N, C-alpha and C. Protein backbone atom coordinates (compact mmCIF):
# COMPACT_ATOMS: atom_id res chain seq x y z
N UNK A 1 3.07 -10.15 100.52
CA UNK A 1 2.72 -8.67 100.28
C UNK A 1 2.82 -8.21 98.54
N UNK A 2 1.89 -7.81 98.00
CA UNK A 2 2.24 -7.36 96.54
C UNK A 2 2.57 -6.03 96.49
N UNK A 3 3.77 -5.41 95.72
CA UNK A 3 4.14 -4.08 95.78
C UNK A 3 2.77 -3.13 95.36
N UNK A 4 3.36 -1.95 95.49
CA UNK A 4 2.12 -0.78 94.99
C UNK A 4 3.00 -0.50 93.68
N UNK A 5 2.13 -0.71 92.52
CA UNK A 5 2.60 -0.48 91.17
C UNK A 5 1.80 0.72 90.54
N UNK A 6 2.82 1.25 89.78
CA UNK A 6 2.39 2.31 88.68
C UNK A 6 2.76 2.11 87.37
N UNK A 7 1.82 1.80 86.36
CA UNK A 7 2.35 1.73 85.26
C UNK A 7 2.17 2.71 84.22
N UNK A 8 3.18 2.85 83.51
CA UNK A 8 3.44 3.77 82.55
C UNK A 8 3.61 3.48 81.35
N UNK A 9 2.63 3.17 80.40
CA UNK A 9 2.93 2.61 78.86
C UNK A 9 2.82 3.62 77.76
N UNK A 10 3.34 3.30 76.58
CA UNK A 10 3.27 4.17 75.60
C UNK A 10 4.21 3.89 74.41
N UNK A 11 4.27 4.56 73.10
CA UNK A 11 5.32 4.41 72.22
C UNK A 11 6.42 4.93 72.57
N UNK A 12 7.50 4.77 71.48
CA UNK A 12 8.92 5.35 71.75
C UNK A 12 8.94 6.64 71.87
N UNK A 13 9.51 7.27 72.46
CA UNK A 13 9.77 8.92 72.32
C UNK A 13 8.95 9.84 73.16
N UNK A 14 7.87 9.01 73.77
CA UNK A 14 7.04 9.87 74.76
C UNK A 14 7.34 10.49 75.97
N UNK A 15 8.62 10.04 76.27
CA UNK A 15 9.21 10.36 77.78
C UNK A 15 8.95 9.60 79.14
N UNK A 16 8.37 8.30 78.20
CA UNK A 16 8.08 7.15 79.32
C UNK A 16 9.16 6.93 80.62
N UNK A 17 10.44 6.58 80.05
CA UNK A 17 11.77 6.59 81.16
C UNK A 17 11.84 7.50 81.98
N UNK A 18 11.97 9.04 81.26
CA UNK A 18 12.24 10.07 82.05
C UNK A 18 11.14 10.36 83.08
N UNK A 19 9.81 9.80 82.47
CA UNK A 19 8.67 10.48 83.78
C UNK A 19 8.68 9.21 84.63
N UNK A 20 9.06 8.04 84.47
CA UNK A 20 8.81 7.11 85.40
C UNK A 20 10.03 7.10 86.38
N UNK A 21 11.25 7.43 85.93
CA UNK A 21 12.56 7.58 86.75
C UNK A 21 12.10 8.80 87.66
N UNK A 22 11.40 10.04 87.23
CA UNK A 22 11.51 11.30 88.05
C UNK A 22 10.11 10.96 88.87
N UNK A 23 9.14 10.19 88.36
CA UNK A 23 8.04 9.94 89.23
C UNK A 23 8.46 8.95 90.68
N UNK A 24 9.36 8.03 90.19
CA UNK A 24 9.64 7.05 91.03
C UNK A 24 10.50 7.72 92.12
N UNK A 25 11.49 8.85 92.06
CA UNK A 25 11.97 9.53 92.88
C UNK A 25 10.97 10.48 93.99
N UNK A 26 10.06 10.80 93.11
CA UNK A 26 9.11 11.66 93.92
C UNK A 26 8.22 10.73 95.03
N UNK A 27 8.15 9.58 94.49
CA UNK A 27 7.40 8.65 95.43
C UNK A 27 8.07 7.74 96.32
N UNK A 28 9.60 7.98 96.36
CA UNK A 28 10.31 7.00 96.73
C UNK A 28 10.19 5.59 96.51
N UNK A 29 10.08 5.31 95.37
CA UNK A 29 9.70 4.09 94.81
C UNK A 29 10.85 3.38 93.95
N UNK A 30 10.77 2.28 93.20
CA UNK A 30 12.20 1.93 92.64
C UNK A 30 11.36 1.88 91.34
N UNK A 31 12.26 2.10 90.22
CA UNK A 31 11.92 2.35 88.73
C UNK A 31 12.26 1.18 88.26
N UNK A 32 11.55 0.64 87.60
CA UNK A 32 11.70 -0.67 86.48
C UNK A 32 11.66 -0.37 84.97
N UNK A 33 12.47 -0.26 84.42
CA UNK A 33 12.36 -0.11 83.09
C UNK A 33 12.70 -1.63 82.20
N UNK A 34 11.10 -1.81 81.79
CA UNK A 34 11.35 -3.36 81.21
C UNK A 34 11.66 -3.34 79.87
N UNK A 35 11.70 -2.05 79.03
CA UNK A 35 12.21 -2.15 78.14
C UNK A 35 13.72 -2.64 77.97
N UNK A 36 14.68 -2.31 79.39
CA UNK A 36 16.08 -2.64 79.24
C UNK A 36 16.24 -4.36 79.10
N UNK A 37 15.03 -5.03 79.70
CA UNK A 37 15.10 -6.43 79.65
C UNK A 37 15.11 -6.88 78.16
N UNK A 38 14.06 -6.28 77.18
CA UNK A 38 14.25 -6.69 75.97
C UNK A 38 15.34 -6.69 75.27
N UNK A 39 16.37 -5.21 75.89
CA UNK A 39 17.18 -4.75 74.44
C UNK A 39 18.33 -5.80 75.19
N UNK A 40 18.10 -6.09 76.54
CA UNK A 40 19.65 -6.59 76.97
C UNK A 40 19.64 -8.24 76.12
N UNK A 41 18.29 -8.60 75.96
CA UNK A 41 18.44 -10.20 75.35
C UNK A 41 18.82 -10.13 73.60
N UNK A 42 18.53 -8.86 73.22
CA UNK A 42 18.70 -8.39 71.88
C UNK A 42 20.26 -8.36 71.73
N UNK A 43 20.70 -7.59 72.61
CA UNK A 43 22.19 -7.34 72.47
C UNK A 43 23.32 -8.72 72.73
N UNK A 44 22.53 -9.73 73.78
CA UNK A 44 23.13 -11.06 73.71
C UNK A 44 23.00 -11.91 72.74
N UNK A 45 21.86 -11.66 72.16
CA UNK A 45 21.62 -12.45 71.14
C UNK A 45 22.66 -12.25 69.75
N UNK A 46 22.31 -10.64 69.40
CA UNK A 46 23.43 -10.34 68.49
C UNK A 46 24.78 -10.62 68.64
N UNK A 47 25.52 -10.56 69.82
CA UNK A 47 26.86 -10.71 69.98
C UNK A 47 26.97 -11.93 69.81
N UNK A 48 26.19 -13.18 69.99
CA UNK A 48 26.31 -14.44 69.82
C UNK A 48 26.04 -14.75 68.47
N UNK A 49 25.87 -13.89 67.44
CA UNK A 49 25.69 -14.05 66.08
C UNK A 49 24.44 -15.02 65.79
N UNK A 50 23.58 -15.00 66.70
CA UNK A 50 22.05 -15.38 66.62
C UNK A 50 21.38 -14.82 65.58
N UNK A 51 20.74 -15.53 64.63
CA UNK A 51 19.69 -14.95 63.75
C UNK A 51 18.41 -14.60 64.74
N UNK A 52 17.90 -13.42 64.59
CA UNK A 52 17.18 -12.62 65.53
C UNK A 52 15.85 -13.50 65.62
N UNK A 53 15.60 -14.17 64.29
CA UNK A 53 14.30 -14.62 64.06
C UNK A 53 14.04 -16.09 64.42
N UNK A 54 15.04 -16.57 64.75
CA UNK A 54 15.12 -18.10 65.45
C UNK A 54 15.01 -18.19 66.97
N UNK A 55 13.63 -18.12 67.18
CA UNK A 55 13.22 -17.99 68.52
C UNK A 55 13.92 -19.39 69.23
N UNK A 56 14.08 -20.20 68.82
CA UNK A 56 14.50 -21.48 69.62
C UNK A 56 15.79 -21.37 70.00
N UNK A 57 16.61 -20.92 69.24
CA UNK A 57 18.08 -20.45 69.33
C UNK A 57 18.17 -19.29 70.52
N UNK A 58 17.28 -18.31 70.31
CA UNK A 58 17.51 -17.31 71.28
C UNK A 58 16.96 -17.75 72.87
N UNK A 59 16.20 -18.59 72.85
CA UNK A 59 15.30 -18.98 73.86
C UNK A 59 16.73 -20.20 74.45
N UNK A 60 17.26 -20.87 74.02
CA UNK A 60 18.61 -21.42 74.13
C UNK A 60 19.75 -20.69 74.87
N UNK A 61 20.00 -19.64 74.30
CA UNK A 61 20.94 -18.51 74.61
C UNK A 61 20.44 -18.25 75.97
N UNK A 62 19.24 -17.88 76.37
CA UNK A 62 18.88 -17.17 77.28
C UNK A 62 19.01 -18.44 78.38
N UNK A 63 18.76 -19.44 78.12
CA UNK A 63 19.05 -20.39 79.17
C UNK A 63 20.66 -20.48 79.92
N UNK A 64 21.25 -20.29 78.94
CA UNK A 64 22.71 -20.06 79.59
C UNK A 64 23.54 -18.69 79.58
N UNK A 65 22.62 -17.95 79.53
CA UNK A 65 22.99 -16.45 80.09
C UNK A 65 22.31 -15.94 81.31
N UNK A 66 23.34 -15.20 82.09
CA UNK A 66 22.69 -14.52 83.30
C UNK A 66 22.56 -13.30 83.16
N UNK A 67 21.07 -13.16 82.86
CA UNK A 67 20.89 -11.77 82.99
C UNK A 67 20.28 -10.91 84.38
N UNK A 68 21.02 -9.94 84.68
CA UNK A 68 20.95 -9.28 86.30
C UNK A 68 20.40 -7.72 85.67
N UNK A 69 19.60 -7.46 86.79
CA UNK A 69 19.14 -5.83 86.57
C UNK A 69 19.13 -5.57 88.25
N UNK A 70 19.69 -4.32 88.28
CA UNK A 70 20.05 -3.74 89.75
C UNK A 70 19.71 -2.28 89.72
N UNK A 71 19.17 -2.20 90.93
CA UNK A 71 18.71 -0.57 90.95
C UNK A 71 19.71 0.24 91.61
N UNK A 72 19.95 1.23 91.02
CA UNK A 72 21.06 1.90 91.63
C UNK A 72 20.84 3.43 91.24
N UNK A 73 20.35 3.65 92.57
CA UNK A 73 19.58 5.33 92.37
C UNK A 73 18.45 5.37 91.80
N UNK A 74 18.60 6.10 90.84
CA UNK A 74 17.24 6.25 89.84
C UNK A 74 17.79 5.34 88.60
N UNK A 75 18.66 4.79 88.45
CA UNK A 75 19.11 4.06 87.20
C UNK A 75 18.97 2.50 87.37
N UNK A 76 18.26 1.93 86.27
CA UNK A 76 18.18 0.43 86.33
C UNK A 76 19.73 0.01 85.74
N UNK A 77 20.28 -0.77 86.57
CA UNK A 77 21.89 -1.22 85.60
C UNK A 77 21.51 -2.75 85.02
N UNK A 78 21.88 -2.78 83.68
CA UNK A 78 21.94 -4.05 83.21
C UNK A 78 23.24 -4.55 83.04
N UNK A 79 23.07 -6.07 83.40
CA UNK A 79 24.24 -6.93 83.22
C UNK A 79 24.05 -8.39 82.35
N UNK A 80 24.86 -8.43 81.54
CA UNK A 80 24.66 -9.72 80.79
C UNK A 80 26.22 -10.63 81.44
N UNK A 81 25.86 -11.72 81.68
CA UNK A 81 27.08 -12.49 82.28
C UNK A 81 27.92 -11.88 82.91
N UNK A 82 27.43 -10.83 84.03
CA UNK A 82 28.33 -10.11 84.85
C UNK A 82 29.01 -8.86 83.98
N UNK A 83 28.70 -8.64 82.85
CA UNK A 83 29.50 -7.29 81.92
C UNK A 83 28.21 -6.49 81.99
N UNK A 84 28.51 -5.25 82.26
CA UNK A 84 27.55 -3.56 82.42
C UNK A 84 27.35 -3.55 81.08
N UNK A 85 26.07 -3.47 80.59
CA UNK A 85 25.63 -3.24 79.33
C UNK A 85 24.46 -1.97 79.38
N UNK A 86 24.77 -1.47 80.43
CA UNK A 86 23.58 -0.49 80.34
C UNK A 86 23.54 0.54 79.36
N UNK A 87 24.98 0.87 78.80
CA UNK A 87 24.84 1.91 77.90
C UNK A 87 24.50 1.11 76.22
N UNK A 88 25.19 0.25 76.28
CA UNK A 88 25.26 -0.81 75.08
C UNK A 88 23.95 -0.57 74.53
N UNK A 89 22.77 -1.37 75.54
CA UNK A 89 21.62 -1.73 74.92
C UNK A 89 20.97 -0.45 74.29
N UNK A 90 21.46 0.66 74.46
CA UNK A 90 20.75 1.87 73.58
C UNK A 90 21.21 2.41 72.26
N UNK A 91 21.78 1.41 71.70
CA UNK A 91 22.38 1.53 70.64
C UNK A 91 21.50 1.48 69.55
N UNK A 92 21.43 2.54 68.42
CA UNK A 92 20.71 2.34 67.48
C UNK A 92 20.57 1.02 66.65
N UNK A 93 21.46 0.14 66.64
CA UNK A 93 21.42 -1.14 66.19
C UNK A 93 20.67 -2.01 66.87
N UNK A 94 20.60 -1.83 68.13
CA UNK A 94 19.65 -2.76 68.89
C UNK A 94 18.51 -2.19 68.93
N UNK A 95 17.98 -0.77 68.91
CA UNK A 95 16.55 -0.31 68.66
C UNK A 95 15.96 -1.09 67.27
N UNK A 96 16.91 -1.54 66.49
CA UNK A 96 16.20 -1.68 65.21
C UNK A 96 15.88 -3.40 65.29
N UNK A 97 16.55 -3.92 66.23
CA UNK A 97 16.51 -5.49 66.23
C UNK A 97 15.42 -5.82 67.37
N UNK A 98 15.30 -4.94 68.27
CA UNK A 98 14.49 -5.48 69.42
C UNK A 98 12.99 -5.94 69.20
N UNK A 99 12.38 -5.53 68.12
CA UNK A 99 11.29 -5.95 67.88
C UNK A 99 11.27 -7.46 67.80
N UNK A 100 12.21 -8.10 67.29
CA UNK A 100 12.20 -9.63 67.06
C UNK A 100 11.99 -10.26 68.31
N UNK A 101 12.40 -9.82 69.29
CA UNK A 101 12.22 -10.16 70.95
C UNK A 101 10.99 -10.04 71.24
N UNK A 102 10.65 -8.67 70.97
CA UNK A 102 9.20 -8.30 71.48
C UNK A 102 8.14 -8.81 70.94
N UNK A 103 8.15 -9.64 69.52
CA UNK A 103 7.33 -9.99 68.99
C UNK A 103 6.98 -11.50 69.10
N UNK A 104 8.01 -12.06 69.74
CA UNK A 104 7.92 -13.30 69.97
C UNK A 104 7.03 -13.91 71.28
N UNK A 105 5.94 -14.32 71.37
CA UNK A 105 5.35 -14.78 72.38
C UNK A 105 6.11 -15.52 73.64
N UNK A 106 6.97 -16.52 72.92
CA UNK A 106 7.72 -17.33 74.11
C UNK A 106 8.60 -16.51 74.80
N UNK A 107 9.40 -15.57 73.94
CA UNK A 107 10.74 -14.67 74.77
C UNK A 107 9.46 -13.75 75.57
N UNK A 108 8.50 -13.06 75.01
CA UNK A 108 7.67 -12.09 76.11
C UNK A 108 7.48 -12.79 77.35
N UNK A 109 6.80 -14.11 77.16
CA UNK A 109 6.59 -14.89 78.56
C UNK A 109 7.74 -14.91 79.29
N UNK A 110 8.78 -15.22 78.76
CA UNK A 110 10.24 -15.42 79.68
C UNK A 110 10.63 -13.88 80.49
N UNK A 111 10.28 -12.91 79.84
CA UNK A 111 10.87 -11.75 80.24
C UNK A 111 9.80 -11.09 81.16
N UNK A 112 8.58 -11.54 80.93
CA UNK A 112 7.48 -10.97 82.02
C UNK A 112 7.71 -11.76 83.39
N UNK A 113 8.31 -12.75 83.31
CA UNK A 113 8.50 -13.56 84.51
C UNK A 113 9.41 -12.66 85.50
N UNK A 114 10.67 -12.48 84.73
CA UNK A 114 11.79 -11.54 84.91
C UNK A 114 11.19 -10.29 85.65
N UNK A 115 10.50 -9.53 84.97
CA UNK A 115 10.16 -8.28 85.30
C UNK A 115 9.20 -8.44 86.33
N UNK A 116 8.27 -9.40 86.88
CA UNK A 116 7.80 -9.57 87.77
C UNK A 116 8.34 -10.14 89.37
N UNK A 117 9.45 -10.71 88.87
CA UNK A 117 10.63 -11.15 90.07
C UNK A 117 11.29 -10.22 90.37
N UNK A 118 11.35 -9.16 89.70
CA UNK A 118 12.20 -7.74 89.97
C UNK A 118 11.43 -6.80 90.90
N UNK A 119 10.27 -6.64 90.55
CA UNK A 119 9.18 -5.81 91.01
C UNK A 119 8.96 -6.42 92.45
N UNK A 120 8.65 -7.72 92.50
CA UNK A 120 8.09 -8.28 93.61
C UNK A 120 9.61 -8.14 94.96
N UNK A 121 10.29 -7.71 94.76
CA UNK A 121 11.40 -7.54 95.70
C UNK A 121 11.48 -5.97 96.18
N UNK A 122 10.62 -5.37 95.86
CA UNK A 122 10.71 -3.85 96.13
C UNK A 122 8.99 -3.56 96.73
N UNK A 123 8.76 -2.73 97.64
CA UNK A 123 7.42 -2.08 98.33
C UNK A 123 6.75 -1.21 97.14
N UNK A 124 7.23 -0.24 96.75
CA UNK A 124 6.68 0.55 95.73
C UNK A 124 7.38 0.68 94.32
N UNK A 125 6.72 0.48 93.47
CA UNK A 125 7.43 0.31 92.09
C UNK A 125 6.78 0.96 91.05
N UNK A 126 7.42 1.79 89.96
CA UNK A 126 6.82 2.53 89.01
C UNK A 126 7.84 1.77 87.78
N UNK A 127 6.82 1.56 86.84
CA UNK A 127 7.27 0.75 85.76
C UNK A 127 6.70 1.08 84.54
N UNK A 128 7.70 1.23 83.43
CA UNK A 128 7.20 1.64 82.21
C UNK A 128 7.47 0.66 81.27
N UNK A 129 6.88 0.57 79.69
CA UNK A 129 6.77 -0.07 78.98
C UNK A 129 5.87 -0.03 78.07
N UNK A 130 5.33 -0.98 77.16
CA UNK A 130 4.22 -0.78 76.00
C UNK A 130 3.13 -1.81 76.65
N UNK A 131 3.32 -2.81 77.41
CA UNK A 131 2.14 -3.61 78.05
C UNK A 131 1.90 -3.93 79.39
N UNK A 132 2.68 -3.08 80.10
CA UNK A 132 2.76 -3.04 81.45
C UNK A 132 1.29 -2.98 82.25
N UNK A 133 0.42 -2.02 81.97
CA UNK A 133 -0.82 -2.03 82.60
C UNK A 133 -1.64 -3.21 81.98
N UNK A 134 -1.55 -3.78 80.64
CA UNK A 134 -2.35 -4.09 80.05
C UNK A 134 -2.06 -6.02 80.48
N UNK A 135 -0.83 -6.23 80.28
CA UNK A 135 -0.30 -7.76 80.39
C UNK A 135 0.72 -8.14 81.74
N UNK A 136 1.54 -7.55 82.01
CA UNK A 136 2.73 -7.77 83.23
C UNK A 136 1.93 -7.26 84.37
N UNK A 137 1.20 -6.06 84.56
CA UNK A 137 0.72 -5.90 85.78
C UNK A 137 -0.82 -5.30 85.59
N UNK A 138 -1.83 -6.31 85.23
CA UNK A 138 -3.08 -5.91 84.93
C UNK A 138 -3.97 -5.31 86.39
N UNK A 139 -3.08 -5.55 87.47
CA UNK A 139 -3.68 -5.22 88.76
C UNK A 139 -3.11 -4.23 89.39
N UNK A 140 -2.41 -3.15 88.56
CA UNK A 140 -1.91 -2.35 89.30
C UNK A 140 -2.50 -1.20 89.94
N UNK A 141 -1.89 -0.49 91.07
CA UNK A 141 -2.89 0.56 91.53
C UNK A 141 -3.39 1.39 90.59
N UNK A 142 -2.14 2.09 89.67
CA UNK A 142 -2.80 3.03 88.96
C UNK A 142 -1.97 3.15 87.45
N UNK A 143 -2.62 3.50 86.38
CA UNK A 143 -1.90 3.03 85.19
C UNK A 143 -2.34 4.39 84.21
N UNK A 144 -1.19 4.65 83.79
CA UNK A 144 -1.32 5.61 82.71
C UNK A 144 -0.76 5.47 81.28
N UNK A 145 -1.13 5.89 80.13
CA UNK A 145 -0.58 5.77 78.59
C UNK A 145 -0.27 7.00 78.04
N UNK A 146 1.11 7.26 77.72
CA UNK A 146 1.49 8.38 77.15
C UNK A 146 1.30 8.50 75.94
N UNK A 147 1.09 9.66 75.34
CA UNK A 147 1.17 9.71 73.66
C UNK A 147 1.64 11.16 73.35
N UNK A 148 2.37 11.04 72.14
CA UNK A 148 2.69 12.53 71.35
C UNK A 148 2.95 12.41 70.10
N UNK A 149 3.24 13.39 69.22
CA UNK A 149 3.18 13.44 67.85
C UNK A 149 4.38 12.97 67.35
N UNK A 150 4.58 11.86 66.37
CA UNK A 150 5.66 11.20 65.89
C UNK A 150 6.69 12.05 65.76
N UNK A 151 6.61 13.24 64.96
CA UNK A 151 7.70 14.26 64.75
C UNK A 151 8.07 14.84 66.08
N UNK A 152 7.66 14.98 67.12
CA UNK A 152 8.09 15.46 68.43
C UNK A 152 8.85 14.31 69.04
N UNK A 153 8.26 13.18 68.83
CA UNK A 153 9.10 12.08 69.51
C UNK A 153 10.39 11.48 68.86
N UNK A 154 10.61 11.81 67.48
CA UNK A 154 11.63 12.00 66.52
C UNK A 154 12.85 12.91 67.25
N UNK A 155 12.22 14.10 67.57
CA UNK A 155 13.33 15.47 67.77
C UNK A 155 13.65 14.97 69.15
N UNK A 156 12.86 14.40 69.87
CA UNK A 156 13.46 14.08 71.47
C UNK A 156 14.39 12.99 71.39
N UNK A 157 14.26 12.13 70.59
CA UNK A 157 15.05 11.12 70.64
C UNK A 157 16.41 11.08 69.89
N UNK A 158 16.34 12.45 68.84
CA UNK A 158 17.44 12.71 68.31
C UNK A 158 18.08 13.39 68.88
N UNK A 159 17.77 14.14 69.85
CA UNK A 159 18.12 14.83 71.01
C UNK A 159 19.13 14.24 72.13
N UNK A 160 18.29 12.97 72.29
CA UNK A 160 18.88 12.02 73.43
C UNK A 160 20.50 11.46 72.82
N UNK A 161 20.08 11.20 71.41
CA UNK A 161 21.27 10.50 70.73
C UNK A 161 22.47 11.46 70.85
N UNK A 162 21.83 12.76 70.36
CA UNK A 162 23.12 14.05 70.12
C UNK A 162 23.67 14.11 71.45
N UNK A 163 23.13 14.09 72.15
CA UNK A 163 23.67 14.32 73.92
C UNK A 163 24.52 13.27 74.20
N UNK A 164 24.44 12.02 73.78
CA UNK A 164 24.99 10.76 73.90
C UNK A 164 26.35 10.96 72.94
N UNK A 165 26.36 11.67 71.94
CA UNK A 165 27.41 11.76 71.07
C UNK A 165 27.33 10.73 69.72
N UNK A 166 26.23 10.36 69.78
CA UNK A 166 25.93 9.57 68.53
C UNK A 166 24.86 10.33 67.71
N UNK A 167 25.32 10.70 66.45
CA UNK A 167 24.71 11.15 65.23
C UNK A 167 23.71 10.11 64.59
N UNK A 168 22.88 10.52 63.99
CA UNK A 168 21.72 9.83 63.17
C UNK A 168 20.87 10.83 62.67
N UNK A 169 20.75 10.39 61.29
CA UNK A 169 20.21 11.29 60.26
C UNK A 169 18.17 11.33 60.87
N UNK A 170 17.88 12.87 61.00
CA UNK A 170 16.81 12.63 61.36
C UNK A 170 15.41 12.11 61.10
N UNK A 171 15.39 12.17 59.37
CA UNK A 171 14.36 11.23 58.85
C UNK A 171 14.31 9.77 58.83
N UNK A 172 15.98 9.46 58.92
CA UNK A 172 15.88 7.90 59.21
C UNK A 172 15.38 7.40 60.48
N UNK A 173 15.69 8.09 61.60
CA UNK A 173 15.31 8.05 62.94
C UNK A 173 13.91 7.77 62.79
N UNK A 174 13.10 8.86 62.20
CA UNK A 174 11.55 8.97 62.15
C UNK A 174 11.27 7.97 61.42
N UNK A 175 11.64 7.44 60.54
CA UNK A 175 11.20 6.18 59.99
C UNK A 175 11.11 5.01 60.76
N UNK A 176 12.32 5.12 61.41
CA UNK A 176 12.28 4.17 62.95
C UNK A 176 11.39 3.86 63.62
N UNK A 177 10.94 5.23 64.04
CA UNK A 177 9.72 5.35 65.09
C UNK A 177 8.53 4.82 64.58
N UNK A 178 8.22 5.43 63.52
CA UNK A 178 6.83 5.02 62.69
C UNK A 178 6.94 3.56 62.33
N UNK A 179 8.01 3.04 62.16
CA UNK A 179 8.03 1.56 61.44
C UNK A 179 7.63 0.59 62.85
N UNK A 180 8.32 1.39 64.25
CA UNK A 180 8.31 0.59 65.48
C UNK A 180 6.95 0.62 65.83
N UNK A 181 6.28 1.79 65.98
CA UNK A 181 4.90 2.14 66.17
C UNK A 181 3.83 1.25 65.60
N UNK A 182 4.25 1.08 64.04
CA UNK A 182 3.05 -0.23 63.57
C UNK A 182 3.57 -1.54 64.02
N UNK A 183 4.97 -2.03 64.49
CA UNK A 183 4.97 -3.20 64.74
C UNK A 183 4.72 -3.57 65.92
N UNK A 184 4.70 -2.57 66.92
CA UNK A 184 4.15 -2.64 68.47
C UNK A 184 2.74 -2.52 68.14
N UNK A 185 1.85 -1.98 67.45
CA UNK A 185 0.46 -1.89 67.43
C UNK A 185 -0.22 -3.01 67.02
N UNK A 186 0.59 -3.82 66.19
CA UNK A 186 -0.24 -4.65 65.06
C UNK A 186 0.49 -6.14 65.59
N UNK A 187 1.41 -6.27 66.23
CA UNK A 187 1.63 -7.53 66.48
C UNK A 187 0.33 -8.36 67.51
N UNK A 188 0.47 -9.66 67.23
CA UNK A 188 -0.35 -10.26 67.85
C UNK A 188 -0.19 -10.67 69.19
N UNK A 189 0.94 -10.56 69.61
CA UNK A 189 1.25 -10.98 71.40
C UNK A 189 1.52 -9.45 71.74
N UNK A 190 0.87 -9.21 72.88
CA UNK A 190 0.60 -8.08 73.71
C UNK A 190 1.03 -6.70 72.96
N UNK A 191 0.27 -6.46 72.06
CA UNK A 191 0.22 -5.17 70.97
C UNK A 191 0.14 -3.91 72.09
N UNK A 192 1.04 -3.12 71.46
CA UNK A 192 0.70 -1.64 72.35
C UNK A 192 -0.71 -1.16 72.13
N UNK A 193 -1.21 -1.08 73.23
CA UNK A 193 -2.53 -0.49 73.47
C UNK A 193 -2.57 0.16 75.00
N UNK A 194 -3.73 1.24 75.11
CA UNK A 194 -3.83 1.37 76.76
C UNK A 194 -4.74 0.57 77.10
N UNK A 195 -4.51 0.34 78.38
CA UNK A 195 -5.40 -0.67 79.21
C UNK A 195 -6.64 0.28 79.36
N UNK A 196 -7.85 -0.73 79.84
CA UNK A 196 -9.19 -0.05 79.47
C UNK A 196 -9.28 1.23 80.75
N UNK A 197 -8.44 0.79 81.68
CA UNK A 197 -8.62 1.96 82.94
C UNK A 197 -7.36 2.80 83.22
N UNK A 198 -6.68 2.90 82.28
CA UNK A 198 -5.31 3.77 82.23
C UNK A 198 -5.91 5.20 81.98
N UNK A 199 -5.15 6.35 82.25
CA UNK A 199 -5.36 7.38 82.37
C UNK A 199 -4.58 8.01 80.92
N UNK A 200 -5.18 8.68 80.12
CA UNK A 200 -4.19 9.18 79.00
C UNK A 200 -3.49 10.47 79.23
N UNK A 201 -2.42 10.48 78.58
CA UNK A 201 -1.52 12.11 78.72
C UNK A 201 -0.82 12.09 77.42
N UNK A 202 -1.55 13.36 76.68
CA UNK A 202 -0.86 13.71 75.40
C UNK A 202 0.46 14.50 76.10
N UNK A 203 1.91 14.25 75.74
CA UNK A 203 2.85 15.05 76.39
C UNK A 203 3.65 15.75 74.74
N UNK A 204 3.02 15.77 73.96
CA UNK A 204 3.59 16.50 72.75
C UNK A 204 3.86 17.94 73.04
N UNK A 205 3.22 18.58 73.83
CA UNK A 205 3.49 19.99 74.43
C UNK A 205 3.80 20.08 75.87
N UNK A 206 4.28 18.81 76.54
CA UNK A 206 4.41 19.08 77.92
C UNK A 206 5.44 18.58 78.40
N UNK A 207 6.34 19.01 79.10
CA UNK A 207 8.01 18.59 79.31
C UNK A 207 7.56 17.28 80.45
N UNK A 208 8.63 16.38 80.83
CA UNK A 208 8.71 15.63 81.79
C UNK A 208 8.17 16.06 83.04
N UNK A 209 8.59 17.16 83.51
CA UNK A 209 8.01 17.56 84.99
C UNK A 209 6.74 17.77 85.12
N UNK A 210 6.05 18.67 83.90
CA UNK A 210 4.76 18.77 83.70
C UNK A 210 3.89 17.29 83.65
N UNK A 211 4.31 16.22 82.96
CA UNK A 211 3.79 15.05 82.93
C UNK A 211 3.75 14.50 84.46
N UNK A 212 4.70 14.52 85.19
CA UNK A 212 5.03 14.24 86.45
C UNK A 212 4.17 14.72 87.57
N UNK A 213 3.95 15.99 87.19
CA UNK A 213 2.99 16.73 88.29
C UNK A 213 1.48 16.25 87.66
N UNK A 214 1.19 16.10 86.52
CA UNK A 214 -0.38 15.76 86.10
C UNK A 214 -0.43 14.67 86.71
N UNK A 215 0.74 13.55 86.75
CA UNK A 215 0.31 12.22 87.01
C UNK A 215 0.24 12.17 88.68
N UNK A 216 1.03 12.96 89.36
CA UNK A 216 0.79 13.19 90.93
C UNK A 216 -0.69 13.72 91.29
N UNK A 217 -0.88 14.49 90.31
CA UNK A 217 -2.55 15.15 90.77
C UNK A 217 -3.44 13.96 90.77
N UNK A 218 -3.30 13.19 89.80
CA UNK A 218 -4.15 12.18 89.57
C UNK A 218 -4.15 11.24 90.93
N UNK A 219 -2.82 10.76 91.15
CA UNK A 219 -2.53 10.14 92.19
C UNK A 219 -3.13 10.69 93.51
N UNK A 220 -2.96 11.95 93.99
CA UNK A 220 -3.29 12.64 95.07
C UNK A 220 -5.18 12.62 95.00
N UNK A 221 -5.64 12.96 93.89
CA UNK A 221 -7.02 12.80 93.56
C UNK A 221 -7.63 11.58 94.32
N UNK A 222 -6.83 10.70 93.73
CA UNK A 222 -7.54 8.97 93.87
C UNK A 222 -7.31 8.92 95.53
N UNK A 223 -6.35 9.57 95.88
CA UNK A 223 -6.17 8.91 97.62
C UNK A 223 -6.77 9.79 98.43
N UNK A 224 -7.53 10.93 97.95
CA UNK A 224 -8.41 11.94 98.40
C UNK A 224 -9.84 11.22 98.54
């Protein structure tokens, strides 16, 4: 039996993770943060001193490394060889390097398999990322694409880092986000783009709760 899946795609800083986590709780579903899988591979490669552009070396590392993802409440816990890296994968230096994993077709294909295996364990799944509705779960029951002004997305990310005790220059962070957007949108493998049947929501002036309510309205209209 295939799980009931809702996909939420969009660039960094639009609130995908927060919205997906809140929505999953409302629907008694499991939250799948697919970006965590890319970040986990990035952390493992960095810790092993591997050149991030050396795809064969990264693949070999993946073959000998145990990546585990566990659903704990509304949090996706990430483990590398039994070590909890749920917090470590959010470091700015990881954000800078994750593009090397995301841009390689062989690595993406391996991670898509992991994401599908995780989702198959549950009846209801809310998943977020950049290609969930287009590549990973093209037959998902409902698809959404979130967008927001880059400056607003930078402000949100800056606040998140500050709350976590991590200081980072605003303009530098903004440059990172714009650069990541260009990388995601222009890569040849699974580029960031909305699925043809996705519902678009601009979150620039809407908080996470408002976005969740909008999604619930759409879902209720479909059920009705």
